[in-house]
Amino acid sequence: GHEILTIEGVAENGKLHPIQQSFVDVGAIQCGYCTPGMVLNTLALLKDKSDPTEPEIRRALSGNLCRCTGYQKIVEAIQDVAVKMKE
């Protein structure tokens, strides 16, 4: 069988995943509509590349649409969590 990971499975024991926490800390969440997809794509990106460049981040998010943030805060949140997860 295959495993399916949804946004509900990212947090463990009621504690936000570091990616989710970074989105909150940096202010990358406004309406929240795109957040599940952004978080899951970030998780996949960081599994492949622990230190992605800004163009790599933007390419990874290219399939997600956000009409609120302009993407800059989302990119900043991903850069922030990439550094924190390496520590």
PDB file of N, CA and C in Angstrom:
ATOM      1  N   GLY A   1       0.795  -1.171   0.000  1.00  0.00           N
ATOM      2  CA  GLY A   1       0.000   0.000   0.000  1.00  0.00           C
ATOM      3  C   GLY A   1       0.852   1.255   0.000  1.00  0.00           C
ATOM      4  N   HIS A   2       0.183   2.358  -0.147  1.00  0.00           N
ATOM      5  CA  HIS A   2       0.832   3.664  -0.160  1.00  0.00           C
ATOM      6  C   HIS A   2       0.344   4.489   1.020  1.00  0.00           C
ATOM      7  N   GLU A   3       1.167   5.411   1.422  1.00  0.00           N
ATOM      8  CA  GLU A   3       0.810   6.327   2.498  1.00  0.00           C
ATOM      9  C   GLU A   3       0.320   7.637   1.892  1.00  0.00           C
ATOM     10  N   ILE A   4      -0.749   8.176   2.454  1.00  0.00           N
ATOM     11  CA  ILE A   4      -1.256   9.481   2.049  1.00  0.00           C
ATOM     12  C   ILE A   4      -1.124  10.405   3.249  1.00  0.00           C
ATOM     13  N   LEU A   5      -0.431  11.511   3.046  1.00  0.00           N
ATOM     14  CA  LEU A   5      -0.258  12.486   4.117  1.00  0.00           C
ATOM     15  C   LEU A   5      -1.125  13.698   3.825  1.00  0.00           C
ATOM     16  N   THR A   6      -1.991  14.030   4.764  1.00  0.00           N
ATOM     17  CA  THR A   6      -2.820  15.229   4.649  1.00  0.00           C
ATOM     18  C   THR A   6      -2.319  16.256   5.656  1.00  0.00           C
ATOM     19  N   ILE A   7      -2.833  17.451   5.573  1.00  0.00           N
ATOM     20  CA  ILE A   7      -2.404  18.506   6.490  1.00  0.00           C
ATOM     21  C   ILE A   7      -2.680  18.119   7.940  1.00  0.00           C
ATOM     22  N   GLU A   8      -3.736  17.348   8.165  1.00  0.00           N
ATOM     23  CA  GLU A   8      -4.055  16.918   9.530  1.00  0.00           C
ATOM     24  C   GLU A   8      -2.996  15.984  10.101  1.00  0.00           C
ATOM     25  N   GLY A   9      -2.256  15.305   9.241  1.00  0.00           N
ATOM     26  CA  GLY A   9      -1.236  14.374   9.706  1.00  0.00           C
ATOM     27  C   GLY A   9       0.142  14.983   9.865  1.00  0.00           C
ATOM     28  N   VAL A  10       0.286  16.254   9.551  1.00  0.00           N
ATOM     29  CA  VAL A  10       1.601  16.893   9.632  1.00  0.00           C
ATOM     30  C   VAL A  10       1.962  17.213  11.081  1.00  0.00           C
ATOM     31  N   ALA A  11       1.025  17.762  11.824  1.00  0.00           N
ATOM     32  CA  ALA A  11       1.261  18.066  13.240  1.00  0.00           C
ATOM     33  C   ALA A  11       1.217  16.763  14.031  1.00  0.00           C
ATOM     34  N   GLU A  12       2.033  16.685  15.066  1.00  0.00           N
ATOM     35  CA  GLU A  12       2.047  15.477  15.892  1.00  0.00           C
ATOM     36  C   GLU A  12       1.677  15.821  17.324  1.00  0.00           C
ATOM     37  N   ASN A  13       0.778  15.042  17.888  1.00  0.00           N
ATOM     38  CA  ASN A  13       0.360  15.196  19.275  1.00  0.00           C
ATOM     39  C   ASN A  13      -0.097  16.618  19.590  1.00  0.00           C
ATOM     40  N   GLY A  14      -0.780  17.242  18.645  1.00  0.00           N
ATOM     41  CA  GLY A  14      -1.300  18.580  18.866  1.00  0.00           C
ATOM     42  C   GLY A  14      -0.277  19.698  18.773  1.00  0.00           C
ATOM     43  N   LYS A  15       0.967  19.353  18.444  1.00  0.00           N
ATOM     44  CA  LYS A  15       2.027  20.366  18.324  1.00  0.00           C
ATOM     45  C   LYS A  15       2.283  20.635  16.849  1.00  0.00           C
ATOM     46  N   LEU A  16       2.332  21.912  16.480  1.00  0.00           N
ATOM     47  CA  LEU A  16       2.564  22.262  15.085  1.00  0.00           C
ATOM     48  C   LEU A  16       3.906  21.733  14.597  1.00  0.00           C
ATOM     49  N   HIS A  17       3.935  21.300  13.354  1.00  0.00           N
ATOM     50  CA  HIS A  17       5.190  20.921  12.702  1.00  0.00           C
ATOM     51  C   HIS A  17       6.019  22.201  12.561  1.00  0.00           C
ATOM     52  N   PRO A  18       7.348  22.112  12.553  1.00  0.00           N
ATOM     53  CA  PRO A  18       8.173  23.315  12.395  1.00  0.00           C
ATOM     54  C   PRO A  18       7.807  24.157  11.168  1.00  0.00           C
ATOM     55  N   ILE A  19       7.386  23.524  10.091  1.00  0.00           N
ATOM     56  CA  ILE A  19       6.966  24.280   8.905  1.00  0.00           C
ATOM     57  C   ILE A  19       5.728  25.111   9.233  1.00  0.00           C
ATOM     58  N   GLN A  20       4.755  24.487   9.875  1.00  0.00           N
ATOM     59  CA  GLN A  20       3.542  25.208  10.245  1.00  0.00           C
ATOM     60  C   GLN A  20       3.865  26.358  11.195  1.00  0.00           C
ATOM     61  N   GLN A  21       4.740  26.095  12.162  1.00  0.00           N
ATOM     62  CA  GLN A  21       5.102  27.127  13.128  1.00  0.00           C
ATOM     63  C   GLN A  21       5.811  28.291  12.452  1.00  0.00           C
ATOM     64  N   SER A  22       6.664  27.990  11.495  1.00  0.00           N
ATOM     65  CA  SER A  22       7.361  29.046  10.764  1.00  0.00           C
ATOM     66  C   SER A  22       6.379  29.905   9.975  1.00  0.00           C
ATOM     67  N   PHE A  23       5.381  29.285   9.356  1.00  0.00           N
ATOM     68  CA  PHE A  23       4.367  30.053   8.628  1.00  0.00           C
ATOM     69  C   PHE A  23       3.667  31.023   9.585  1.00  0.00           C
ATOM     70  N   VAL A  24       3.374  30.567  10.797  1.00  0.00           N
ATOM     71  CA  VAL A  24       2.730  31.425  11.792  1.00  0.00           C
ATOM     72  C   VAL A  24       3.688  32.536  12.224  1.00  0.00           C
ATOM     73  N   ASP A  25       4.916  32.162  12.576  1.00  0.00           N
ATOM     74  CA  ASP A  25       5.884  33.126  13.102  1.00  0.00           C
ATOM     75  C   ASP A  25       6.216  34.237  12.111  1.00  0.00           C
ATOM     76  N   VAL A  26       6.340  33.886  10.845  1.00  0.00           N
ATOM     77  CA  VAL A  26       6.742  34.852   9.819  1.00  0.00           C
ATOM     78  C   VAL A  26       5.548  35.648   9.282  1.00  0.00           C
ATOM     79  N   GLY A  27       4.350  35.181   9.553  1.00  0.00           N
ATOM     80  CA  GLY A  27       3.158  35.870   9.058  1.00  0.00           C
ATOM     81  C   GLY A  27       2.802  35.483   7.637  1.00  0.00           C
ATOM     82  N   ALA A  28       3.046  34.224   7.299  1.00  0.00           N
ATOM     83  CA  ALA A  28       2.791  33.737   5.940  1.00  0.00           C
ATOM     84  C   ALA A  28       1.367  33.238   5.755  1.00  0.00           C
ATOM     85  N   ILE A  29       0.525  33.455   6.749  1.00  0.00           N
ATOM     86  CA  ILE A  29      -0.856  32.976   6.677  1.00  0.00           C
ATOM     87  C   ILE A  29      -1.789  34.177   6.744  1.00  0.00           C
ATOM     88  N   GLN A  30      -2.684  34.258   5.795  1.00  0.00           N
ATOM     89  CA  GLN A  30      -3.717  35.293   5.877  1.00  0.00           C
ATOM     90  C   GLN A  30      -5.075  34.608   5.909  1.00  0.00           C
ATOM     91  N   CYS A  31      -5.649  34.319   4.767  1.00  0.00           N
ATOM     92  CA  CYS A  31      -6.976  33.694   4.787  1.00  0.00           C
ATOM     93  C   CYS A  31      -6.886  32.205   5.120  1.00  0.00           C
ATOM     94  N   GLY A  32      -5.745  31.576   4.821  1.00  0.00           N
ATOM     95  CA  GLY A  32      -5.543  30.173   5.145  1.00  0.00           C
ATOM     96  C   GLY A  32      -5.959  29.195   4.069  1.00  0.00           C
ATOM     97  N   TYR A  33      -6.573  29.672   3.008  1.00  0.00           N
ATOM     98  CA  TYR A  33      -7.077  28.776   1.968  1.00  0.00           C
ATOM     99  C   TYR A  33      -5.957  27.972   1.308  1.00  0.00           C
ATOM    100  N   CYS A  34      -4.835  28.596   1.021  1.00  0.00           N
ATOM    101  CA  CYS A  34      -3.744  27.913   0.318  1.00  0.00           C
ATOM    102  C   CYS A  34      -2.767  27.224   1.264  1.00  0.00           C
ATOM    103  N   THR A  35      -2.888  27.488   2.557  1.00  0.00           N
ATOM    104  CA  THR A  35      -1.877  27.038   3.515  1.00  0.00           C
ATOM    105  C   THR A  35      -1.644  25.531   3.514  1.00  0.00           C
ATOM    106  N   PRO A  36      -2.669  24.678   3.504  1.00  0.00           N
ATOM    107  CA  PRO A  36      -2.386  23.240   3.500  1.00  0.00           C
ATOM    108  C   PRO A  36      -1.496  22.812   2.333  1.00  0.00           C
ATOM    109  N   GLY A  37      -1.799  23.288   1.145  1.00  0.00           N
ATOM    110  CA  GLY A  37      -0.988  22.941  -0.023  1.00  0.00           C
ATOM    111  C   GLY A  37       0.419  23.485   0.077  1.00  0.00           C
ATOM    112  N   MET A  38       0.555  24.700   0.578  1.00  0.00           N
ATOM    113  CA  MET A  38       1.881  25.306   0.737  1.00  0.00           C
ATOM    114  C   MET A  38       2.714  24.515   1.741  1.00  0.00           C
ATOM    115  N   VAL A  39       2.111  24.139   2.857  1.00  0.00           N
ATOM    116  CA  VAL A  39       2.829  23.386   3.888  1.00  0.00           C
ATOM    117  C   VAL A  39       3.245  22.018   3.353  1.00  0.00           C
ATOM    118  N   LEU A  40       2.343  21.316   2.692  1.00  0.00           N
ATOM    119  CA  LEU A  40       2.676  19.987   2.173  1.00  0.00           C
ATOM    120  C   LEU A  40       3.731  20.063   1.071  1.00  0.00           C
ATOM    121  N   ASN A  41       3.657  21.063   0.206  1.00  0.00           N
ATOM    122  CA  ASN A  41       4.699  21.223  -0.815  1.00  0.00           C
ATOM    123  C   ASN A  41       6.035  21.589  -0.189  1.00  0.00           C
ATOM    124  N   THR A  42       6.011  22.382   0.864  1.00  0.00           N
ATOM    125  CA  THR A  42       7.243  22.722   1.577  1.00  0.00           C
ATOM    126  C   THR A  42       7.854  21.477   2.202  1.00  0.00           C
ATOM    127  N   LEU A  43       7.031  20.646   2.784  1.00  0.00           N
ATOM    128  CA  LEU A  43       7.515  19.395   3.374  1.00  0.00           C
ATOM    129  C   LEU A  43       8.200  18.536   2.319  1.00  0.00           C
ATOM    130  N   ALA A  44       7.584  18.404   1.158  1.00  0.00           N
ATOM    131  CA  ALA A  44       8.180  17.621   0.066  1.00  0.00           C
ATOM    132  C   ALA A  44       9.478  18.259  -0.418  1.00  0.00           C
ATOM    133  N   LEU A  45       9.487  19.578  -0.551  1.00  0.00           N
ATOM    134  CA  LEU A  45      10.689  20.282  -0.997  1.00  0.00           C
ATOM    135  C   LEU A  45      11.842  20.054  -0.034  1.00  0.00           C
ATOM    136  N   LEU A  46      11.592  20.212   1.261  1.00  0.00           N
ATOM    137  CA  LEU A  46      12.668  20.093   2.244  1.00  0.00           C
ATOM    138  C   LEU A  46      13.140  18.656   2.435  1.00  0.00           C
ATOM    139  N   LYS A  47      12.333  17.691   2.053  1.00  0.00           N
ATOM    140  CA  LYS A  47      12.802  16.302   2.067  1.00  0.00           C
ATOM    141  C   LYS A  47      13.833  16.081   0.972  1.00  0.00           C
ATOM    142  N   ASP A  48      13.669  16.783  -0.155  1.00  0.00           N
ATOM    143  CA  ASP A  48      14.600  16.656  -1.279  1.00  0.00           C
ATOM    144  C   ASP A  48      15.788  17.595  -1.169  1.00  0.00           C
ATOM    145  N   LYS A  49      15.561  18.796  -0.663  1.00  0.00           N
ATOM    146  CA  LYS A  49      16.612  19.819  -0.592  1.00  0.00           C
ATOM    147  C   LYS A  49      16.543  20.487   0.769  1.00  0.00           C
ATOM    148  N   SER A  50      17.557  20.267   1.588  1.00  0.00           N
ATOM    149  CA  SER A  50      17.528  20.834   2.935  1.00  0.00           C
ATOM    150  C   SER A  50      17.820  22.329   2.946  1.00  0.00           C
ATOM    151  N   ASP A  51      18.440  22.839   1.888  1.00  0.00           N
ATOM    152  CA  ASP A  51      18.791  24.256   1.824  1.00  0.00           C
ATOM    153  C   ASP A  51      18.422  24.824   0.450  1.00  0.00           C
ATOM    154  N   PRO A  52      17.121  24.918   0.158  1.00  0.00           N
ATOM    155  CA  PRO A  52      16.710  25.356  -1.178  1.00  0.00           C
ATOM    156  C   PRO A  52      16.979  26.842  -1.407  1.00  0.00           C
ATOM    157  N   THR A  53      17.273  27.173  -2.639  1.00  0.00           N
ATOM    158  CA  THR A  53      17.435  28.571  -3.023  1.00  0.00           C
ATOM    159  C   THR A  53      16.056  29.196  -3.210  1.00  0.00           C
ATOM    160  N   GLU A  54      16.012  30.517  -3.298  1.00  0.00           N
ATOM    161  CA  GLU A  54      14.719  31.171  -3.515  1.00  0.00           C
ATOM    162  C   GLU A  54      14.066  30.727  -4.821  1.00  0.00           C
ATOM    163  N   PRO A  55      14.819  30.631  -5.933  1.00  0.00           N
ATOM    164  CA  PRO A  55      14.177  30.127  -7.158  1.00  0.00           C
ATOM    165  C   PRO A  55      13.644  28.697  -7.010  1.00  0.00           C
ATOM    166  N   GLU A  56      14.353  27.849  -6.268  1.00  0.00           N
ATOM    167  CA  GLU A  56      13.871  26.473  -6.044  1.00  0.00           C
ATOM    168  C   GLU A  56      12.586  26.486  -5.222  1.00  0.00           C
ATOM    169  N   ILE A  57      12.523  27.364  -4.234  1.00  0.00           N
ATOM    170  CA  ILE A  57      11.313  27.480  -3.416  1.00  0.00           C
ATOM    171  C   ILE A  57      10.146  27.941  -4.286  1.00  0.00           C
ATOM    172  N   ARG A  58      10.374  28.969  -5.064  1.00  0.00           N
ATOM    173  CA  ARG A  58       9.303  29.500  -5.914  1.00  0.00           C
ATOM    174  C   ARG A  58       8.838  28.468  -6.944  1.00  0.00           C
ATOM    175  N   ARG A  59       9.775  27.687  -7.463  1.00  0.00           N
ATOM    176  CA  ARG A  59       9.421  26.634  -8.426  1.00  0.00           C
ATOM    177  C   ARG A  59       8.584  25.556  -7.735  1.00  0.00           C
ATOM    178  N   ALA A  60       8.964  25.195  -6.506  1.00  0.00           N
ATOM    179  CA  ALA A  60       8.221  24.167  -5.768  1.00  0.00           C
ATOM    180  C   ALA A  60       6.796  24.613  -5.459  1.00  0.00           C
ATOM    181  N   LEU A  61       6.604  25.908  -5.301  1.00  0.00           N
ATOM    182  CA  LEU A  61       5.283  26.438  -4.968  1.00  0.00           C
ATOM    183  C   LEU A  61       4.470  26.844  -6.190  1.00  0.00           C
ATOM    184  N   SER A  62       5.026  26.671  -7.364  1.00  0.00           N
ATOM    185  CA  SER A  62       4.390  27.193  -8.577  1.00  0.00           C
ATOM    186  C   SER A  62       3.009  26.596  -8.857  1.00  0.00           C
ATOM    187  N   GLY A  63       2.708  25.449  -8.304  1.00  0.00           N
ATOM    188  CA  GLY A  63       1.395  24.846  -8.504  1.00  0.00           C
ATOM    189  C   GLY A  63       0.358  25.299  -7.497  1.00  0.00           C
ATOM    190  N   ASN A  64       0.773  26.111  -6.528  1.00  0.00           N
ATOM    191  CA  ASN A  64      -0.136  26.619  -5.503  1.00  0.00           C
ATOM    192  C   ASN A  64      -0.443  28.084  -5.758  1.00  0.00           C
ATOM    193  N   LEU A  65      -1.692  28.432  -5.680  1.00  0.00           N
ATOM    194  CA  LEU A  65      -2.091  29.822  -5.866  1.00  0.00           C
ATOM    195  C   LEU A  65      -2.453  30.457  -4.532  1.00  0.00           C
ATOM    196  N   CYS A  66      -1.938  31.662  -4.317  1.00  0.00           N
ATOM    197  CA  CYS A  66      -2.269  32.442  -3.128  1.00  0.00           C
ATOM    198  C   CYS A  66      -2.637  33.836  -3.592  1.00  0.00           C
ATOM    199  N   ARG A  67      -3.809  34.281  -3.237  1.00  0.00           N
ATOM    200  CA  ARG A  67      -4.215  35.616  -3.669  1.00  0.00           C
ATOM    201  C   ARG A  67      -4.048  36.657  -2.579  1.00  0.00           C
ATOM    202  N   CYS A  68      -3.583  36.251  -1.400  1.00  0.00           N
ATOM    203  CA  CYS A  68      -3.492  37.188  -0.274  1.00  0.00           C
ATOM    204  C   CYS A  68      -2.085  37.726  -0.027  1.00  0.00           C
ATOM    205  N   THR A  69      -1.089  36.857  -0.039  1.00  0.00           N
ATOM    206  CA  THR A  69       0.222  37.236   0.503  1.00  0.00           C
ATOM    207  C   THR A  69       1.212  37.764  -0.506  1.00  0.00           C
ATOM    208  N   GLY A  70       1.038  37.496  -1.769  1.00  0.00           N
ATOM    209  CA  GLY A  70       2.061  37.872  -2.736  1.00  0.00           C
ATOM    210  C   GLY A  70       3.274  36.965  -2.666  1.00  0.00           C
ATOM    211  N   TYR A  71       3.198  35.901  -1.907  1.00  0.00           N
ATOM    212  CA  TYR A  71       4.195  34.832  -1.815  1.00  0.00           C
ATOM    213  C   TYR A  71       5.457  35.192  -1.036  1.00  0.00           C
ATOM    214  N   GLN A  72       5.797  36.460  -0.857  1.00  0.00           N
ATOM    215  CA  GLN A  72       7.075  36.793  -0.230  1.00  0.00           C
ATOM    216  C   GLN A  72       7.168  36.248   1.192  1.00  0.00           C
ATOM    217  N   LYS A  73       6.125  36.412   1.994  1.00  0.00           N
ATOM    218  CA  LYS A  73       6.146  35.898   3.370  1.00  0.00           C
ATOM    219  C   LYS A  73       6.215  34.371   3.383  1.00  0.00           C
ATOM    220  N   ILE A  74       5.600  33.729   2.415  1.00  0.00           N
ATOM    221  CA  ILE A  74       5.658  32.270   2.327  1.00  0.00           C
ATOM    222  C   ILE A  74       7.086  31.832   2.029  1.00  0.00           C
ATOM    223  N   VAL A  75       7.733  32.494   1.089  1.00  0.00           N
ATOM    224  CA  VAL A  75       9.131  32.188   0.767  1.00  0.00           C
ATOM    225  C   VAL A  75      10.005  32.420   1.995  1.00  0.00           C
ATOM    226  N   GLU A  76       9.780  33.520   2.707  1.00  0.00           N
ATOM    227  CA  GLU A  76      10.554  33.811   3.919  1.00  0.00           C
ATOM    228  C   GLU A  76      10.343  32.739   4.981  1.00  0.00           C
ATOM    229  N   ALA A  77       9.118  32.259   5.130  1.00  0.00           N
ATOM    230  CA  ALA A  77       8.836  31.210   6.109  1.00  0.00           C
ATOM    231  C   ALA A  77       9.583  29.931   5.762  1.00  0.00           C
ATOM    232  N   ILE A  78       9.652  29.613   4.488  1.00  0.00           N
ATOM    233  CA  ILE A  78      10.351  28.396   4.057  1.00  0.00           C
ATOM    234  C   ILE A  78      11.851  28.548   4.258  1.00  0.00           C
ATOM    235  N   GLN A  79      12.393  29.710   3.950  1.00  0.00           N
ATOM    236  CA  GLN A  79      13.817  29.946   4.196  1.00  0.00           C
ATOM    237  C   GLN A  79      14.114  29.847   5.689  1.00  0.00           C
ATOM    238  N   ASP A  80      13.230  30.398   6.507  1.00  0.00           N
ATOM    239  CA  ASP A  80      13.384  30.363   7.963  1.00  0.00           C
ATOM    240  C   ASP A  80      13.385  28.933   8.491  1.00  0.00           C
ATOM    241  N   VAL A  81      12.427  28.150   8.067  1.00  0.00           N
ATOM    242  CA  VAL A  81      12.329  26.784   8.589  1.00  0.00           C
ATOM    243  C   VAL A  81      13.454  25.900   8.057  1.00  0.00           C
ATOM    244  N   ALA A  82      13.934  26.170   6.854  1.00  0.00           N
ATOM    245  CA  ALA A  82      15.056  25.387   6.317  1.00  0.00           C
ATOM    246  C   ALA A  82      16.281  25.558   7.204  1.00  0.00           C
ATOM    247  N   VAL A  83      16.530  26.772   7.647  1.00  0.00           N
ATOM    248  CA  VAL A  83      17.660  27.036   8.549  1.00  0.00           C
ATOM    249  C   VAL A  83      17.436  26.342   9.888  1.00  0.00           C
ATOM    250  N   LYS A  84      16.243  26.485  10.446  1.00  0.00           N
ATOM    251  CA  LYS A  84      15.942  25.901  11.757  1.00  0.00           C
ATOM    252  C   LYS A  84      15.995  24.381  11.743  1.00  0.00           C
ATOM    253  N   MET A  85      15.560  23.754  10.658  1.00  0.00           N
ATOM    254  CA  MET A  85      15.548  22.291  10.605  1.00  0.00           C
ATOM    255  C   MET A  85      16.949  21.716  10.442  1.00  0.00           C
ATOM    256  N   LYS A  86      17.897  22.534   9.970  1.00  0.00           N
ATOM    257  CA  LYS A  86      19.281  22.064   9.847  1.00  0.00           C
ATOM    258  C   LYS A  86      20.009  22.119  11.182  1.00  0.00           C
ATOM    259  N   GLU A  87      19.506  22.934  12.115  1.00  0.00           N
ATOM    260  CA  GLU A  87      20.184  23.118  13.412  1.00  0.00           C
ATOM    261  C   GLU A  87      20.028  21.909  14.298  1.00  0.00           C
TER     262      GLU A  87
END
